[in-house]
């Protein structure tokens, strides 16, 4: 965690502008100073570098006493969330597998229907071709013989 320029100035017993000037002089700004909203936050390296440059000692920050308990609770909450996400992921994977199997069955059914439709279309095309051949044979006959052969040819082809 970091501290603000004002907090560093208070810890070192100097003005905030002095801290700003030393940050620029030491070139700490790009790597060790982060802008959060309207506040600049310094990391521990920047604080110790400023303390060394100013010849002052930085008082140690008191460590929070309840921090390990908070870390444990955060870790356990994150682990529980990870388990929930894994269960959700497993459920979604099984749903996807079921959907894929269903889609494959539907594709198989559609392919079978298409094959049946193509067979029917081929049979109908053969019948139409047969009828057309008979009509040509009838039209090639002289007009006085057409009615006899037309009746014979057309009735024998209708199955």
Protein backbone atom coordinates (compact mmCIF):
# COMPACT_ATOMS: atom_id res chain seq x y z
CA UNK A 1 0.00 0.00 0.00
CA UNK A 2 1.12 3.55 -0.48
CA UNK A 3 0.98 6.81 1.36
CA UNK A 4 0.17 10.29 0.14
CA UNK A 5 2.60 13.19 -0.24
CA UNK A 6 0.97 14.95 2.70
CA UNK A 7 1.40 11.89 4.95
CA UNK A 8 5.07 11.57 3.96
CA UNK A 9 5.61 15.27 4.68
CA UNK A 10 4.00 14.87 8.12
CA UNK A 11 6.08 11.75 8.90
CA UNK A 12 9.32 13.45 7.88
CA UNK A 13 8.43 16.79 9.47
CA UNK A 14 8.78 18.83 6.26
CA UNK A 15 6.43 20.77 4.01
CA UNK A 16 4.47 19.03 1.31
CA UNK A 17 6.16 21.17 -1.35
CA UNK A 18 9.54 19.87 -0.16
CA UNK A 19 8.34 16.31 -0.78
CA UNK A 20 7.09 17.35 -4.27
CA UNK A 21 10.45 18.99 -5.06
CA UNK A 22 12.42 15.92 -3.96
CA UNK A 23 10.18 13.59 -5.95
CA UNK A 24 11.03 15.61 -9.08
CA UNK A 25 14.70 15.88 -8.14
CA UNK A 26 15.03 12.10 -7.54
CA UNK A 27 12.97 11.17 -10.62
CA UNK A 28 10.53 8.99 -8.68
CA UNK A 29 7.36 10.18 -10.38
CA UNK A 30 6.85 7.76 -13.28
CA UNK A 31 7.57 4.46 -11.53
CA UNK A 32 6.92 5.00 -7.82
CA UNK A 33 4.19 7.65 -7.69
CA UNK A 34 0.68 6.69 -8.74
CA UNK A 35 -2.21 9.07 -9.31
CA UNK A 36 -5.45 8.00 -7.59
CA UNK A 37 -8.16 10.53 -8.28
CA UNK A 38 -6.70 13.88 -7.25
CA UNK A 39 -4.17 12.34 -4.88
CA UNK A 40 -0.63 11.10 -5.58
CA UNK A 41 0.25 7.87 -3.78
CA UNK A 42 3.89 6.92 -3.14
CA UNK A 43 5.13 3.37 -2.73
CA UNK A 44 7.51 2.24 0.02
CA UNK A 45 10.60 2.67 -2.18
CA UNK A 46 9.72 6.32 -2.86
CA UNK A 47 9.15 6.98 0.85
CA UNK A 48 12.49 5.48 1.86
CA UNK A 49 14.28 7.32 -0.98
CA UNK A 50 12.78 10.62 0.18
CA UNK A 51 13.74 9.89 3.79
CA UNK A 52 17.33 9.12 2.74
CA UNK A 53 17.53 12.25 0.58
CA UNK A 54 16.22 14.44 3.37
CA UNK A 55 18.43 12.73 5.96
CA UNK A 56 15.54 11.82 8.18
CA UNK A 57 14.22 8.55 9.57
CA UNK A 58 10.80 7.38 8.58
CA UNK A 59 8.84 6.17 11.55
CA UNK A 60 7.66 2.62 10.94
CA UNK A 61 4.00 2.24 10.14
CA UNK A 62 2.13 0.17 12.66
CA UNK A 63 0.96 -3.11 11.16
CA UNK A 64 -2.74 -3.70 11.48
CA UNK A 65 -3.43 -6.43 14.00
CA UNK A 66 -6.44 -7.95 12.26
CA UNK A 67 -4.80 -8.16 8.83
CA UNK A 68 -4.07 -11.94 8.89
CA UNK A 69 -7.69 -12.68 9.79
CA UNK A 70 -8.86 -10.46 6.93
CA UNK A 71 -6.49 -12.16 4.53
CA UNK A 72 -7.73 -15.59 5.60
CA UNK A 73 -11.36 -14.57 5.17
CA UNK A 74 -10.62 -13.04 1.75
CA UNK A 75 -8.74 -16.16 0.68
CA UNK A 76 -11.53 -18.45 1.85
CA UNK A 77 -14.13 -16.29 0.08
CA UNK A 78 -12.07 -16.37 -3.12
CA UNK A 79 -11.63 -20.15 -2.85
CA UNK A 80 -15.38 -20.57 -2.41
CA UNK A 81 -15.98 -18.38 -5.48
CA UNK A 82 -13.47 -20.45 -7.47
CA UNK A 83 -15.30 -23.65 -6.49
CA UNK A 84 -18.63 -22.11 -7.52
CA UNK A 85 -17.18 -21.06 -10.87
CA UNK A 86 -15.71 -24.53 -11.44
CA UNK A 87 -19.09 -26.13 -10.74
CA UNK A 88 -20.77 -23.65 -13.08
CA UNK A 89 -18.14 -24.38 -15.73
CA UNK A 90 -18.68 -28.15 -15.41
CA UNK A 91 -22.44 -27.68 -15.71
CA UNK A 92 -22.04 -25.52 -18.81
CA UNK A 93 -19.66 -28.03 -20.39
CA UNK A 94 -22.19 -30.84 -19.89
CA UNK A 95 -24.99 -28.65 -21.32
CA UNK A 96 -22.85 -27.92 -24.38
CA UNK A 97 -22.17 -31.64 -24.86
CA UNK A 98 -25.91 -32.38 -24.65
CA UNK A 99 -26.68 -29.62 -27.15
CA UNK A 100 -24.05 -30.95 -29.55
CA UNK A 101 -25.48 -34.47 -29.35
CA UNK A 102 -29.00 -33.12 -29.94
CA UNK A 103 -27.80 -31.11 -32.92
CA UNK A 104 -26.09 -34.18 -34.41
CA UNK A 105 -29.34 -36.20 -34.06
CA UNK A 106 -31.30 -33.40 -35.74
CA UNK A 107 -28.75 -33.20 -38.56
CA UNK A 108 -29.02 -36.97 -39.10
CA UNK A 109 -32.81 -36.74 -39.26
CA UNK A 110 -32.65 -33.86 -41.73
CA UNK A 111 -30.17 -35.73 -43.92
CA UNK A 112 -32.49 -38.76 -43.98
CA UNK A 113 -35.45 -36.57 -44.92
CA UNK A 114 -33.41 -34.95 -47.70
CA UNK A 115 -32.39 -38.35 -49.09
CA UNK A 116 -36.03 -39.51 -49.08
CA UNK A 117 -37.13 -36.30 -50.83
CA UNK A 118 -34.39 -36.72 -53.45
CA UNK A 119 -35.52 -40.33 -54.09
CA UNK A 120 -39.13 -39.22 -54.53
CA UNK A 121 -38.04 -36.43 -56.88
CA UNK A 122 -36.00 -38.89 -58.95
CA UNK A 123 -38.99 -41.30 -59.22
CA UNK A 124 -41.26 -38.45 -60.26
CA UNK A 125 -38.71 -37.27 -62.84
CA UNK A 126 -38.58 -40.80 -64.29
CA UNK A 127 -42.38 -40.91 -64.53
CA UNK A 128 -42.50 -37.48 -66.20
CA UNK A 129 -39.83 -38.58 -68.67
CA UNK A 130 -41.82 -41.76 -69.46
CA UNK A 131 -44.98 -39.77 -70.05
CA UNK A 132 -43.08 -37.33 -72.28
CA UNK A 133 -41.68 -40.23 -74.34
CA UNK A 134 -45.18 -41.67 -74.79
CA UNK A 135 -46.54 -38.28 -75.82
CA UNK A 136 -43.78 -37.99 -78.43
CA UNK A 137 -44.60 -41.47 -79.71
CA UNK A 138 -48.26 -40.54 -79.99
CA UNK A 139 -47.52 -37.28 -81.77
CA UNK A 140 -45.34 -39.14 -84.29
CA UNK A 141 -48.30 -41.31 -85.35
CA UNK A 142 -50.72 -40.21 -88.06
CA UNK A 143 -53.79 -38.49 -86.68
CA UNK A 144 -56.19 -41.35 -87.46
CA UNK A 145 -54.21 -43.83 -85.32
CA UNK A 146 -53.49 -41.53 -82.35
CA UNK A 147 -56.59 -42.14 -80.28
CA UNK A 148 -56.12 -45.92 -80.17
CA UNK A 149 -52.41 -45.74 -79.27
CA UNK A 150 -52.91 -42.80 -76.92
CA UNK A 151 -55.36 -44.77 -74.87
CA UNK A 152 -53.10 -47.81 -74.88
CA UNK A 153 -49.81 -45.98 -74.13
CA UNK A 154 -51.10 -43.55 -71.53
CA UNK A 155 -53.18 -46.04 -69.55
CA UNK A 156 -50.43 -48.64 -69.39
CA UNK A 157 -47.97 -46.09 -67.91
CA UNK A 158 -50.18 -44.92 -65.04
CA UNK A 159 -49.23 -47.10 -62.13
